[in-house]
Structure formats: structure tokens, C-alpha cells
Amino acid sequence: MTGNKGEDVVGVLLAGGLSRRMGGGDKTLRLLAGRSILDRIIDRVRPQVGRLVLNANGDPARFAMTGMEIVPDVVPDYAGPLAGVLSGLDWAADNVPGARWVASFATDAPFLPADLVERLRAAAEREGADMACARSGGREHPVFGLWPVHLRHDLRRAMVEEGIRKVDVWTGRYRLAIADFEADPVDPFFNTNRPDDLAEAERLVGGRLVD
């Protein structure tokens, strides 16, 4: 896949949460240096995948400006990022013949790596793993993951029949590869969960420490 778009990889942008720490609303639509966080993320992610959808609940019209297909959670009651991953897996299986992987991305990380999918896939293939996630500064970021489409039924059973909601509980059942990223000078997985984080992101952009 090196140097090429991952045509057998479907990307899913996870925007299905409630954004409580940002005070509610869609934190991904907040502006950062004059552009929405979501727009910045789309620009970074789209070249890395063959197809890209947005996982979000509620009225899809608020994301109409993206021109993207909006995929709601297939598990009700805001079941967390695993529900978004499952929704992406189902959508990929139904709409993209030949899709092998779904790559998931949080939509509050405006500086995510431009080579994230390539490095996740390389880690999975190198280690013969079932799936992969990112790590920076010694901290794993399971929502930035690469998930095999063929495990979607297993994930559905785990969520519906066992009530599993934590990503690491589910990944603990499989061989998980880790793709490491440098966190200096700026952690590429810096997230804008709170108003203070958004102010810090503005400082980083204004100081040209990030694009």
C-alpha cells in the first residue's frame, strides 16, 4: 500500500458522541484557525482510504456541507466508539465489495498523521495481527484503529449479547499490533476535548508548530 490510496480500506470518522466535555454540540464543527476541525481531519484522512463515511447520530443535515454519507450507530443509546466502528464495518461490507479493512478516526484530533493508515496496516502485516491501533508518547489510542471487516459479526455479538463497550476489552481478544508515532514536538493525536484544548490548538497552529 505504500504511496497509494488504500482502495480496500474504508475510513469512518467517529462523530457519534455527545461532546460533554466541550459543553455539548458537535465539537468537530468548532473552528480552528478559521476552519472546522472536521474539515481539517477530512483533508488528512481522505487521501489515505478508498471510501470515507461519517459516523454520527441525530439530524444528518448538520453535516451536509461535507457531502459525505452519514452512517448512524447500529447499536442504540450512544454506545461509544465501538458502535461507530461496527457501523463502519457494516457499511463497508454492504457498500464496498472487496473492502478488507475499516480505519477509524476520532474527529477531535486535527493534527492526526497523514500516513496513519499506511503505518497501521504495515504494523498489522508485519506482526501477523488481527487489527492495529496507534500509540504516541507511550499512550495507546484505540479509536485510531484498523479493523478487519470479517470480524464485524463477532463485534456485534460482543456488543449486543455481552454488553461490551470498551475498545480495549474487545481488542484484548485478538492479536493487536501497535503503530508508534513520535509525540515531540506535538503529539499528532492531540485532541480538542475541552475549550482549553481548542485554545491550545489555536496556539499550535498560530505558532506554526503544526499545519
N, C-alpha and C. Protein backbone atom coordinates (compact mmCIF):
# COMPACT_ATOMS: atom_id res chain seq x y z
N MET A 1 0.81 -1.19 0.00
CA MET A 1 0.00 0.00 0.00
C MET A 1 0.85 1.25 0.00
N THR A 2 2.11 1.15 0.22
CA THR A 2 2.97 2.32 0.36
C THR A 2 2.83 3.25 -0.83
N GLY A 3 2.54 4.54 -0.52
CA GLY A 3 2.46 5.54 -1.56
C GLY A 3 1.16 5.55 -2.32
N ASN A 4 0.23 4.60 -2.03
CA ASN A 4 -1.02 4.51 -2.75
C ASN A 4 -2.19 4.61 -1.78
N LYS A 5 -3.30 5.08 -2.34
CA LYS A 5 -4.52 5.09 -1.55
C LYS A 5 -4.92 3.67 -1.23
N GLY A 6 -5.40 3.42 -0.02
CA GLY A 6 -5.83 2.08 0.37
C GLY A 6 -7.21 1.79 -0.16
N GLU A 7 -7.31 1.30 -1.39
CA GLU A 7 -8.61 1.11 -2.02
C GLU A 7 -9.45 0.06 -1.31
N ASP A 8 -8.82 -0.86 -0.58
CA ASP A 8 -9.59 -1.85 0.16
C ASP A 8 -9.78 -1.45 1.62
N VAL A 9 -9.53 -0.18 1.91
CA VAL A 9 -9.72 0.36 3.26
C VAL A 9 -10.83 1.41 3.21
N VAL A 10 -11.85 1.23 4.05
CA VAL A 10 -12.91 2.22 4.22
C VAL A 10 -12.62 3.01 5.48
N GLY A 11 -12.65 4.33 5.39
CA GLY A 11 -12.44 5.17 6.56
C GLY A 11 -13.77 5.55 7.19
N VAL A 12 -13.82 5.54 8.52
CA VAL A 12 -15.01 6.00 9.24
C VAL A 12 -14.58 7.05 10.27
N LEU A 13 -15.14 8.23 10.13
CA LEU A 13 -14.88 9.33 11.05
C LEU A 13 -15.90 9.23 12.18
N LEU A 14 -15.41 9.11 13.40
CA LEU A 14 -16.27 8.86 14.55
C LEU A 14 -16.73 10.17 15.18
N ALA A 15 -17.99 10.52 14.93
CA ALA A 15 -18.55 11.76 15.48
C ALA A 15 -19.89 11.47 16.15
N GLY A 16 -20.01 10.27 16.72
CA GLY A 16 -21.29 9.86 17.27
C GLY A 16 -21.48 10.14 18.75
N GLY A 17 -20.49 10.79 19.40
CA GLY A 17 -20.57 11.03 20.83
C GLY A 17 -21.36 12.27 21.18
N LEU A 18 -21.40 12.56 22.48
CA LEU A 18 -22.21 13.67 22.99
C LEU A 18 -21.40 14.93 23.28
N SER A 19 -20.07 14.85 23.20
CA SER A 19 -19.19 16.02 23.40
C SER A 19 -19.45 16.73 24.73
N ARG A 20 -19.66 15.97 25.77
CA ARG A 20 -19.99 16.60 27.07
C ARG A 20 -18.88 17.51 27.57
N ARG A 21 -17.62 17.09 27.37
CA ARG A 21 -16.51 17.88 27.91
C ARG A 21 -16.31 19.19 27.17
N MET A 22 -16.89 19.28 25.96
CA MET A 22 -16.82 20.54 25.22
C MET A 22 -18.07 21.37 25.45
N GLY A 23 -18.96 20.87 26.30
CA GLY A 23 -20.18 21.61 26.60
C GLY A 23 -21.34 21.23 25.72
N GLY A 24 -21.26 20.08 25.05
CA GLY A 24 -22.33 19.64 24.17
C GLY A 24 -22.14 20.14 22.75
N GLY A 25 -23.04 19.70 21.88
CA GLY A 25 -22.92 20.06 20.47
C GLY A 25 -21.86 19.23 19.78
N ASP A 26 -21.60 19.56 18.53
CA ASP A 26 -20.62 18.82 17.73
C ASP A 26 -19.27 19.50 17.82
N LYS A 27 -18.39 18.97 18.67
CA LYS A 27 -17.10 19.63 18.85
C LYS A 27 -16.29 19.63 17.56
N THR A 28 -16.54 18.66 16.68
CA THR A 28 -15.79 18.60 15.44
C THR A 28 -16.14 19.74 14.49
N LEU A 29 -17.26 20.42 14.74
CA LEU A 29 -17.64 21.57 13.90
C LEU A 29 -17.10 22.88 14.45
N ARG A 30 -16.44 22.85 15.61
CA ARG A 30 -15.81 24.07 16.13
C ARG A 30 -14.71 24.52 15.18
N LEU A 31 -14.50 25.82 15.14
CA LEU A 31 -13.50 26.38 14.23
C LEU A 31 -12.12 26.39 14.87
N LEU A 32 -11.14 26.06 14.05
CA LEU A 32 -9.73 26.13 14.44
C LEU A 32 -9.01 26.90 13.35
N ALA A 33 -8.53 28.09 13.68
CA ALA A 33 -7.86 28.96 12.71
C ALA A 33 -8.73 29.16 11.47
N GLY A 34 -10.02 29.37 11.71
CA GLY A 34 -10.93 29.71 10.63
C GLY A 34 -11.53 28.55 9.86
N ARG A 35 -11.14 27.32 10.19
CA ARG A 35 -11.69 26.14 9.52
C ARG A 35 -12.21 25.18 10.56
N SER A 36 -13.25 24.44 10.22
CA SER A 36 -13.75 23.47 11.19
C SER A 36 -12.72 22.37 11.41
N ILE A 37 -12.72 21.83 12.62
CA ILE A 37 -11.84 20.70 12.92
C ILE A 37 -12.15 19.55 11.97
N LEU A 38 -13.42 19.33 11.69
CA LEU A 38 -13.80 18.25 10.79
C LEU A 38 -13.20 18.43 9.40
N ASP A 39 -13.24 19.64 8.86
CA ASP A 39 -12.66 19.88 7.54
C ASP A 39 -11.17 19.54 7.53
N ARG A 40 -10.48 19.92 8.59
CA ARG A 40 -9.06 19.64 8.67
C ARG A 40 -8.81 18.13 8.68
N ILE A 41 -9.63 17.42 9.43
CA ILE A 41 -9.45 15.97 9.53
C ILE A 41 -9.77 15.29 8.20
N ILE A 42 -10.84 15.71 7.55
CA ILE A 42 -11.19 15.13 6.25
C ILE A 42 -10.03 15.29 5.26
N ASP A 43 -9.42 16.47 5.25
CA ASP A 43 -8.29 16.70 4.34
C ASP A 43 -7.14 15.73 4.61
N ARG A 44 -6.93 15.39 5.87
CA ARG A 44 -5.82 14.48 6.21
C ARG A 44 -6.17 13.02 5.94
N VAL A 45 -7.43 12.69 6.10
CA VAL A 45 -7.83 11.28 6.03
C VAL A 45 -8.17 10.83 4.62
N ARG A 46 -8.84 11.67 3.85
CA ARG A 46 -9.36 11.22 2.56
C ARG A 46 -8.31 10.60 1.65
N PRO A 47 -7.09 11.15 1.56
CA PRO A 47 -6.10 10.52 0.68
C PRO A 47 -5.62 9.14 1.17
N GLN A 48 -5.96 8.80 2.40
CA GLN A 48 -5.43 7.56 2.97
C GLN A 48 -6.34 6.35 2.75
N VAL A 49 -7.58 6.58 2.29
CA VAL A 49 -8.56 5.50 2.21
C VAL A 49 -9.25 5.51 0.85
N GLY A 50 -9.90 4.40 0.53
CA GLY A 50 -10.63 4.32 -0.72
C GLY A 50 -11.98 5.01 -0.65
N ARG A 51 -12.72 4.81 0.45
CA ARG A 51 -14.01 5.46 0.68
C ARG A 51 -14.00 6.01 2.09
N LEU A 52 -14.81 7.05 2.31
CA LEU A 52 -14.83 7.70 3.61
C LEU A 52 -16.26 8.06 3.97
N VAL A 53 -16.69 7.66 5.18
CA VAL A 53 -18.03 7.98 5.68
C VAL A 53 -17.90 8.60 7.06
N LEU A 54 -18.99 9.24 7.48
CA LEU A 54 -19.02 9.90 8.78
C LEU A 54 -20.03 9.21 9.66
N ASN A 55 -19.59 8.72 10.80
CA ASN A 55 -20.48 8.11 11.78
C ASN A 55 -20.99 9.19 12.72
N ALA A 56 -22.30 9.45 12.67
CA ALA A 56 -22.90 10.47 13.53
C ALA A 56 -24.35 10.11 13.78
N ASN A 57 -24.85 10.53 14.94
CA ASN A 57 -26.24 10.30 15.30
C ASN A 57 -27.01 11.61 15.26
N GLY A 58 -28.33 11.53 15.29
CA GLY A 58 -29.13 12.73 15.22
C GLY A 58 -29.35 13.19 13.79
N ASP A 59 -29.71 14.46 13.61
CA ASP A 59 -30.03 15.01 12.30
C ASP A 59 -28.79 15.07 11.43
N PRO A 60 -28.76 14.31 10.33
CA PRO A 60 -27.56 14.32 9.47
C PRO A 60 -27.38 15.62 8.71
N ALA A 61 -28.41 16.47 8.68
CA ALA A 61 -28.33 17.70 7.88
C ALA A 61 -27.23 18.62 8.37
N ARG A 62 -26.87 18.53 9.64
CA ARG A 62 -25.84 19.43 10.16
C ARG A 62 -24.46 19.14 9.57
N PHE A 63 -24.31 17.99 8.93
CA PHE A 63 -23.05 17.65 8.27
C PHE A 63 -23.18 17.69 6.74
N ALA A 64 -24.24 18.29 6.25
CA ALA A 64 -24.49 18.27 4.81
C ALA A 64 -23.36 18.92 4.03
N MET A 65 -22.70 19.91 4.64
CA MET A 65 -21.65 20.63 3.92
C MET A 65 -20.48 19.73 3.54
N THR A 66 -20.35 18.58 4.19
CA THR A 66 -19.23 17.68 3.87
C THR A 66 -19.47 16.89 2.60
N GLY A 67 -20.75 16.74 2.22
CA GLY A 67 -21.08 15.91 1.07
C GLY A 67 -20.86 14.43 1.31
N MET A 68 -20.65 14.05 2.57
CA MET A 68 -20.34 12.66 2.89
C MET A 68 -21.60 11.90 3.27
N GLU A 69 -21.56 10.58 3.12
CA GLU A 69 -22.64 9.74 3.61
C GLU A 69 -22.53 9.67 5.14
N ILE A 70 -23.68 9.86 5.81
CA ILE A 70 -23.73 9.84 7.26
C ILE A 70 -24.26 8.48 7.70
N VAL A 71 -23.50 7.79 8.54
CA VAL A 71 -23.84 6.44 8.99
C VAL A 71 -24.09 6.49 10.49
N PRO A 72 -25.33 6.32 10.95
CA PRO A 72 -25.60 6.34 12.39
C PRO A 72 -25.16 5.04 13.06
N ASP A 73 -25.09 5.08 14.38
CA ASP A 73 -24.76 3.88 15.15
C ASP A 73 -25.78 2.79 14.90
N VAL A 74 -25.30 1.56 14.72
CA VAL A 74 -26.20 0.42 14.58
C VAL A 74 -26.54 -0.18 15.93
N VAL A 75 -25.88 0.27 16.99
CA VAL A 75 -26.22 -0.10 18.37
C VAL A 75 -26.74 1.16 19.03
N PRO A 76 -27.91 1.12 19.68
CA PRO A 76 -28.54 2.34 20.18
C PRO A 76 -27.92 2.89 21.45
N ASP A 77 -28.40 4.09 21.84
CA ASP A 77 -28.12 4.71 23.14
C ASP A 77 -26.66 5.14 23.30
N TYR A 78 -26.06 5.67 22.25
CA TYR A 78 -24.71 6.23 22.34
C TYR A 78 -23.75 5.24 23.02
N ALA A 79 -23.55 4.13 22.33
CA ALA A 79 -22.78 3.02 22.90
C ALA A 79 -21.27 3.20 22.79
N GLY A 80 -20.81 4.37 22.36
CA GLY A 80 -19.38 4.63 22.35
C GLY A 80 -18.73 4.34 21.01
N PRO A 81 -17.41 4.52 20.95
CA PRO A 81 -16.71 4.38 19.67
C PRO A 81 -16.80 3.00 19.05
N LEU A 82 -16.94 1.95 19.85
CA LEU A 82 -17.09 0.62 19.26
C LEU A 82 -18.33 0.54 18.38
N ALA A 83 -19.39 1.25 18.77
CA ALA A 83 -20.60 1.27 17.94
C ALA A 83 -20.31 1.93 16.61
N GLY A 84 -19.49 2.97 16.62
CA GLY A 84 -19.10 3.60 15.37
C GLY A 84 -18.26 2.70 14.50
N VAL A 85 -17.35 1.97 15.13
CA VAL A 85 -16.53 1.01 14.38
C VAL A 85 -17.42 -0.05 13.75
N LEU A 86 -18.35 -0.60 14.52
CA LEU A 86 -19.26 -1.61 13.99
C LEU A 86 -20.10 -1.05 12.85
N SER A 87 -20.57 0.16 13.00
CA SER A 87 -21.36 0.79 11.93
C SER A 87 -20.53 0.91 10.65
N GLY A 88 -19.26 1.29 10.81
CA GLY A 88 -18.38 1.38 9.66
C GLY A 88 -18.12 0.03 9.03
N LEU A 89 -17.95 -1.00 9.84
CA LEU A 89 -17.73 -2.34 9.32
C LEU A 89 -18.94 -2.83 8.53
N ASP A 90 -20.14 -2.59 9.09
CA ASP A 90 -21.36 -3.00 8.38
C ASP A 90 -21.50 -2.24 7.06
N TRP A 91 -21.25 -0.94 7.11
CA TRP A 91 -21.39 -0.14 5.89
C TRP A 91 -20.40 -0.61 4.83
N ALA A 92 -19.18 -0.88 5.23
CA ALA A 92 -18.17 -1.34 4.28
C ALA A 92 -18.58 -2.67 3.65
N ALA A 93 -19.07 -3.59 4.48
CA ALA A 93 -19.47 -4.90 3.96
C ALA A 93 -20.63 -4.78 2.97
N ASP A 94 -21.53 -3.83 3.22
CA ASP A 94 -22.72 -3.68 2.38
C ASP A 94 -22.48 -2.85 1.13
N ASN A 95 -21.48 -1.99 1.15
CA ASN A 95 -21.35 -1.00 0.08
C ASN A 95 -20.04 -1.03 -0.70
N VAL A 96 -19.03 -1.71 -0.19
CA VAL A 96 -17.73 -1.69 -0.86
C VAL A 96 -17.24 -3.13 -1.05
N PRO A 97 -17.61 -3.74 -2.16
CA PRO A 97 -17.13 -5.10 -2.42
C PRO A 97 -15.61 -5.13 -2.41
N GLY A 98 -15.06 -6.09 -1.74
CA GLY A 98 -13.61 -6.20 -1.67
C GLY A 98 -12.98 -5.44 -0.52
N ALA A 99 -13.78 -4.70 0.26
CA ALA A 99 -13.21 -3.99 1.41
C ALA A 99 -12.71 -5.00 2.44
N ARG A 100 -11.46 -4.86 2.83
CA ARG A 100 -10.88 -5.76 3.82
C ARG A 100 -10.80 -5.13 5.20
N TRP A 101 -10.64 -3.81 5.21
CA TRP A 101 -10.38 -3.11 6.46
C TRP A 101 -11.28 -1.89 6.60
N VAL A 102 -11.53 -1.53 7.85
CA VAL A 102 -12.08 -0.22 8.18
C VAL A 102 -11.07 0.49 9.08
N ALA A 103 -10.73 1.71 8.72
CA ALA A 103 -9.87 2.53 9.55
C ALA A 103 -10.75 3.55 10.27
N SER A 104 -10.61 3.65 11.58
CA SER A 104 -11.43 4.58 12.36
C SER A 104 -10.59 5.76 12.83
N PHE A 105 -11.23 6.91 12.90
CA PHE A 105 -10.56 8.15 13.28
C PHE A 105 -11.45 8.95 14.22
N ALA A 106 -10.91 9.38 15.33
CA ALA A 106 -11.63 10.34 16.16
C ALA A 106 -11.70 11.67 15.41
N THR A 107 -12.77 12.42 15.63
CA THR A 107 -12.93 13.68 14.90
C THR A 107 -12.65 14.89 15.78
N ASP A 108 -11.82 14.68 16.80
CA ASP A 108 -11.39 15.82 17.63
C ASP A 108 -9.87 15.94 17.64
N ALA A 109 -9.20 15.32 16.65
CA ALA A 109 -7.73 15.31 16.59
C ALA A 109 -7.28 15.93 15.27
N PRO A 110 -7.19 17.26 15.22
CA PRO A 110 -6.95 17.94 13.94
C PRO A 110 -5.56 17.75 13.36
N PHE A 111 -4.63 17.17 14.13
CA PHE A 111 -3.26 17.04 13.64
C PHE A 111 -2.87 15.59 13.36
N LEU A 112 -3.85 14.72 13.18
CA LEU A 112 -3.56 13.29 13.03
C LEU A 112 -2.63 13.04 11.85
N PRO A 113 -1.83 11.95 11.90
CA PRO A 113 -0.79 11.72 10.89
C PRO A 113 -1.35 11.48 9.49
N ALA A 114 -0.67 12.02 8.51
CA ALA A 114 -1.06 11.83 7.12
C ALA A 114 -0.73 10.44 6.62
N ASP A 115 0.09 9.69 7.37
CA ASP A 115 0.44 8.32 6.98
C ASP A 115 -0.09 7.30 7.98
N LEU A 116 -1.15 7.67 8.69
CA LEU A 116 -1.67 6.81 9.76
C LEU A 116 -2.09 5.44 9.26
N VAL A 117 -2.92 5.40 8.21
CA VAL A 117 -3.43 4.13 7.72
C VAL A 117 -2.30 3.25 7.21
N GLU A 118 -1.38 3.84 6.48
CA GLU A 118 -0.25 3.07 5.95
C GLU A 118 0.54 2.41 7.08
N ARG A 119 0.77 3.15 8.14
CA ARG A 119 1.58 2.60 9.23
C ARG A 119 0.80 1.61 10.09
N LEU A 120 -0.50 1.81 10.24
CA LEU A 120 -1.32 0.82 10.93
C LEU A 120 -1.32 -0.50 10.17
N ARG A 121 -1.49 -0.40 8.88
CA ARG A 121 -1.54 -1.62 8.08
C ARG A 121 -0.18 -2.32 8.05
N ALA A 122 0.87 -1.55 7.96
CA ALA A 122 2.22 -2.14 7.97
C ALA A 122 2.47 -2.87 9.28
N ALA A 123 2.03 -2.28 10.40
CA ALA A 123 2.21 -2.92 11.70
C ALA A 123 1.43 -4.23 11.78
N ALA A 124 0.19 -4.22 11.29
CA ALA A 124 -0.63 -5.43 11.33
C ALA A 124 -0.03 -6.53 10.47
N GLU A 125 0.45 -6.16 9.28
CA GLU A 125 1.01 -7.16 8.38
C GLU A 125 2.35 -7.68 8.89
N ARG A 126 3.15 -6.79 9.46
CA ARG A 126 4.46 -7.18 9.98
C ARG A 126 4.33 -8.19 11.11
N GLU A 127 3.34 -8.00 11.95
CA GLU A 127 3.17 -8.84 13.13
C GLU A 127 2.16 -9.97 12.94
N GLY A 128 1.56 -10.03 11.76
CA GLY A 128 0.53 -11.05 11.53
C GLY A 128 -0.64 -10.88 12.48
N ALA A 129 -0.99 -9.62 12.77
CA ALA A 129 -2.01 -9.32 13.76
C ALA A 129 -3.40 -9.26 13.12
N ASP A 130 -4.42 -9.34 13.97
CA ASP A 130 -5.79 -9.25 13.51
C ASP A 130 -6.20 -7.81 13.25
N MET A 131 -5.62 -6.87 14.00
CA MET A 131 -6.01 -5.47 13.93
C MET A 131 -4.87 -4.63 14.47
N ALA A 132 -5.00 -3.32 14.37
CA ALA A 132 -3.91 -2.44 14.81
C ALA A 132 -4.48 -1.15 15.37
N CYS A 133 -3.70 -0.53 16.26
CA CYS A 133 -4.06 0.80 16.73
C CYS A 133 -2.80 1.63 16.89
N ALA A 134 -2.99 2.93 17.08
CA ALA A 134 -1.87 3.87 17.17
C ALA A 134 -1.44 4.07 18.61
N ARG A 135 -0.19 4.51 18.76
CA ARG A 135 0.35 4.86 20.08
C ARG A 135 1.31 6.03 19.92
N SER A 136 1.28 6.93 20.89
CA SER A 136 2.23 8.04 20.92
C SER A 136 2.55 8.37 22.36
N GLY A 137 3.80 8.71 22.61
CA GLY A 137 4.20 9.06 23.96
C GLY A 137 3.89 7.99 24.99
N GLY A 138 3.93 6.72 24.58
CA GLY A 138 3.64 5.62 25.48
C GLY A 138 2.16 5.38 25.73
N ARG A 139 1.30 6.13 25.08
CA ARG A 139 -0.14 6.01 25.30
C ARG A 139 -0.82 5.48 24.04
N GLU A 140 -1.61 4.43 24.20
CA GLU A 140 -2.33 3.87 23.06
C GLU A 140 -3.59 4.69 22.76
N HIS A 141 -3.93 4.73 21.47
CA HIS A 141 -5.11 5.46 21.01
C HIS A 141 -5.99 4.48 20.24
N PRO A 142 -6.80 3.69 20.95
CA PRO A 142 -7.54 2.61 20.29
C PRO A 142 -8.59 3.07 19.29
N VAL A 143 -9.06 4.32 19.37
CA VAL A 143 -10.05 4.75 18.38
C VAL A 143 -9.40 5.06 17.04
N PHE A 144 -8.09 5.21 17.02
CA PHE A 144 -7.35 5.32 15.76
C PHE A 144 -6.88 3.91 15.42
N GLY A 145 -7.78 3.16 14.79
CA GLY A 145 -7.51 1.74 14.60
C GLY A 145 -7.80 1.25 13.20
N LEU A 146 -7.32 0.05 12.92
CA LEU A 146 -7.55 -0.64 11.67
C LEU A 146 -8.22 -1.96 11.99
N TRP A 147 -9.43 -2.14 11.47
CA TRP A 147 -10.29 -3.25 11.87
C TRP A 147 -10.65 -4.11 10.68
N PRO A 148 -10.56 -5.45 10.79
CA PRO A 148 -10.90 -6.31 9.66
C PRO A 148 -12.41 -6.46 9.51
N VAL A 149 -12.89 -6.30 8.29
CA VAL A 149 -14.32 -6.38 8.03
C VAL A 149 -14.89 -7.73 8.43
N HIS A 150 -14.10 -8.77 8.30
CA HIS A 150 -14.64 -10.12 8.56
C HIS A 150 -14.96 -10.36 10.03
N LEU A 151 -14.53 -9.48 10.92
CA LEU A 151 -14.84 -9.66 12.34
C LEU A 151 -16.08 -8.88 12.78
N ARG A 152 -16.84 -8.33 11.84
CA ARG A 152 -17.97 -7.49 12.23
C ARG A 152 -19.04 -8.28 12.99
N HIS A 153 -19.27 -9.51 12.62
CA HIS A 153 -20.29 -10.29 13.33
C HIS A 153 -19.84 -10.60 14.76
N ASP A 154 -18.54 -10.84 14.94
CA ASP A 154 -18.01 -11.07 16.28
C ASP A 154 -18.18 -9.82 17.15
N LEU A 155 -17.92 -8.66 16.57
CA LEU A 155 -18.08 -7.42 17.32
C LEU A 155 -19.54 -7.18 17.67
N ARG A 156 -20.45 -7.47 16.76
CA ARG A 156 -21.86 -7.28 17.05
C ARG A 156 -22.29 -8.18 18.22
N ARG A 157 -21.88 -9.42 18.18
CA ARG A 157 -22.24 -10.31 19.29
C ARG A 157 -21.68 -9.80 20.61
N ALA A 158 -20.43 -9.33 20.58
CA ALA A 158 -19.81 -8.84 21.80
C ALA A 158 -20.57 -7.64 22.37
N MET A 159 -21.02 -6.75 21.49
CA MET A 159 -21.73 -5.55 21.95
C MET A 159 -23.17 -5.85 22.36
N VAL A 160 -23.87 -6.62 21.55
CA VAL A 160 -25.30 -6.85 21.78
C VAL A 160 -25.54 -7.91 22.85
N GLU A 161 -24.81 -9.01 22.77
CA GLU A 161 -25.07 -10.13 23.69
C GLU A 161 -24.28 -10.03 24.99
N GLU A 162 -23.09 -9.41 24.94
CA GLU A 162 -22.25 -9.33 26.13
C GLU A 162 -22.19 -7.93 26.73
N GLY A 163 -22.70 -6.96 26.00
CA GLY A 163 -22.71 -5.59 26.52
C GLY A 163 -21.35 -4.93 26.55
N ILE A 164 -20.40 -5.41 25.76
CA ILE A 164 -19.06 -4.83 25.75
C ILE A 164 -19.10 -3.44 25.11
N ARG A 165 -18.45 -2.49 25.78
CA ARG A 165 -18.40 -1.12 25.28
C ARG A 165 -16.97 -0.58 25.18
N LYS A 166 -16.07 -1.08 25.98
CA LYS A 166 -14.69 -0.58 25.97
C LYS A 166 -13.90 -1.22 24.84
N VAL A 167 -13.23 -0.37 24.08
CA VAL A 167 -12.49 -0.86 22.92
C VAL A 167 -11.43 -1.87 23.33
N ASP A 168 -10.69 -1.57 24.41
CA ASP A 168 -9.58 -2.46 24.77
C ASP A 168 -10.05 -3.80 25.30
N VAL A 169 -11.28 -3.87 25.79
CA VAL A 169 -11.82 -5.17 26.20
C VAL A 169 -12.01 -6.06 24.98
N TRP A 170 -12.52 -5.47 23.91
CA TRP A 170 -12.73 -6.27 22.70
C TRP A 170 -11.41 -6.60 22.02
N THR A 171 -10.53 -5.62 21.88
CA THR A 171 -9.26 -5.89 21.20
C THR A 171 -8.41 -6.89 21.98
N GLY A 172 -8.64 -6.98 23.29
CA GLY A 172 -7.89 -7.92 24.11
C GLY A 172 -8.13 -9.37 23.73
N ARG A 173 -9.14 -9.63 22.93
CA ARG A 173 -9.44 -10.99 22.50
C ARG A 173 -8.65 -11.38 21.24
N TYR A 174 -7.96 -10.42 20.68
CA TYR A 174 -7.30 -10.64 19.40
C TYR A 174 -5.84 -10.21 19.47
N ARG A 175 -5.13 -10.51 18.42
CA ARG A 175 -3.75 -10.06 18.34
C ARG A 175 -3.74 -8.64 17.79
N LEU A 176 -3.30 -7.72 18.62
CA LEU A 176 -3.34 -6.30 18.29
C LEU A 176 -1.93 -5.79 18.04
N ALA A 177 -1.72 -5.21 16.86
CA ALA A 177 -0.43 -4.58 16.55
C ALA A 177 -0.49 -3.11 16.92
N ILE A 178 0.66 -2.55 17.24
CA ILE A 178 0.77 -1.15 17.63
C ILE A 178 1.66 -0.41 16.65
N ALA A 179 1.17 0.72 16.15
CA ALA A 179 1.98 1.60 15.31
C ALA A 179 2.38 2.81 16.16
N ASP A 180 3.67 2.99 16.35
CA ASP A 180 4.18 4.06 17.20
C ASP A 180 4.42 5.34 16.41
N PHE A 181 4.07 6.47 17.03
CA PHE A 181 4.28 7.78 16.45
C PHE A 181 4.97 8.68 17.46
N GLU A 182 5.85 9.54 16.97
CA GLU A 182 6.55 10.49 17.84
C GLU A 182 5.56 11.53 18.39
N ALA A 183 5.75 11.87 19.66
CA ALA A 183 4.89 12.87 20.30
C ALA A 183 5.58 14.22 20.47
N ASP A 184 6.77 14.36 19.91
CA ASP A 184 7.55 15.58 20.06
C ASP A 184 7.86 16.15 18.67
N PRO A 185 7.63 17.42 18.42
CA PRO A 185 7.28 18.48 19.38
C PRO A 185 5.79 18.56 19.70
N VAL A 186 4.94 17.94 18.83
CA VAL A 186 3.50 17.96 19.07
C VAL A 186 2.97 16.54 18.90
N ASP A 187 2.16 16.10 19.85
CA ASP A 187 1.53 14.79 19.72
C ASP A 187 0.52 14.85 18.58
N PRO A 188 0.68 14.00 17.55
CA PRO A 188 -0.26 14.06 16.43
C PRO A 188 -1.68 13.67 16.80
N PHE A 189 -1.85 13.07 17.98
CA PHE A 189 -3.18 12.67 18.44
C PHE A 189 -3.74 13.62 19.50
N PHE A 190 -3.14 14.79 19.60
CA PHE A 190 -3.67 15.84 20.46
C PHE A 190 -5.15 16.03 20.14
N ASN A 191 -6.00 16.02 21.18
CA ASN A 191 -7.43 16.16 20.90
C ASN A 191 -8.03 17.38 21.57
N THR A 192 -9.05 17.88 20.93
CA THR A 192 -9.72 19.11 21.38
C THR A 192 -11.00 18.75 22.12
N ASN A 193 -10.84 18.08 23.26
CA ASN A 193 -11.99 17.66 24.05
C ASN A 193 -12.64 18.80 24.80
N ARG A 194 -11.83 19.76 25.24
CA ARG A 194 -12.31 20.83 26.12
C ARG A 194 -11.99 22.18 25.50
N PRO A 195 -12.67 23.23 25.95
CA PRO A 195 -12.36 24.57 25.43
C PRO A 195 -10.89 24.94 25.57
N ASP A 196 -10.25 24.53 26.67
CA ASP A 196 -8.82 24.83 26.85
C ASP A 196 -7.98 24.14 25.78
N ASP A 197 -8.40 22.93 25.39
CA ASP A 197 -7.66 22.22 24.35
C ASP A 197 -7.76 22.94 23.01
N LEU A 198 -8.94 23.47 22.74
CA LEU A 198 -9.11 24.20 21.49
C LEU A 198 -8.24 25.45 21.47
N ALA A 199 -8.14 26.12 22.61
CA ALA A 199 -7.26 27.30 22.70
C ALA A 199 -5.80 26.91 22.47
N GLU A 200 -5.40 25.75 23.01
CA GLU A 200 -4.03 25.28 22.81
C GLU A 200 -3.80 24.93 21.34
N ALA A 201 -4.79 24.32 20.70
CA ALA A 201 -4.67 24.01 19.27
C ALA A 201 -4.50 25.28 18.45
N GLU A 202 -5.22 26.33 18.82
CA GLU A 202 -5.06 27.62 18.13
C GLU A 202 -3.63 28.13 18.29
N ARG A 203 -3.08 27.96 19.48
CA ARG A 203 -1.70 28.41 19.73
C ARG A 203 -0.73 27.63 18.87
N LEU A 204 -0.93 26.32 18.77
CA LEU A 204 -0.04 25.48 17.98
C LEU A 204 -0.08 25.85 16.50
N VAL A 205 -1.27 26.10 15.99
CA VAL A 205 -1.41 26.49 14.59
C VAL A 205 -0.81 27.87 14.37
N GLY A 206 -1.12 28.78 15.31
CA GLY A 206 -0.61 30.13 15.17
C GLY A 206 0.91 30.21 15.24
N GLY A 207 1.50 29.30 16.02
CA GLY A 207 2.95 29.25 16.12
C GLY A 207 3.61 28.41 15.05
N ARG A 208 2.77 27.91 14.13
CA ARG A 208 3.24 27.10 13.00
C ARG A 208 3.98 25.84 13.44
N LEU A 209 3.62 25.34 14.62
CA LEU A 209 4.16 24.06 15.06
C LEU A 209 3.47 22.89 14.36
N VAL A 210 2.29 23.18 13.81
CA VAL A 210 1.53 22.18 13.03
C VAL A 210 0.90 22.89 11.85
N ASP A 211 0.42 22.10 10.89
CA ASP A 211 -0.27 22.67 9.72
C ASP A 211 -1.69 23.05 10.10
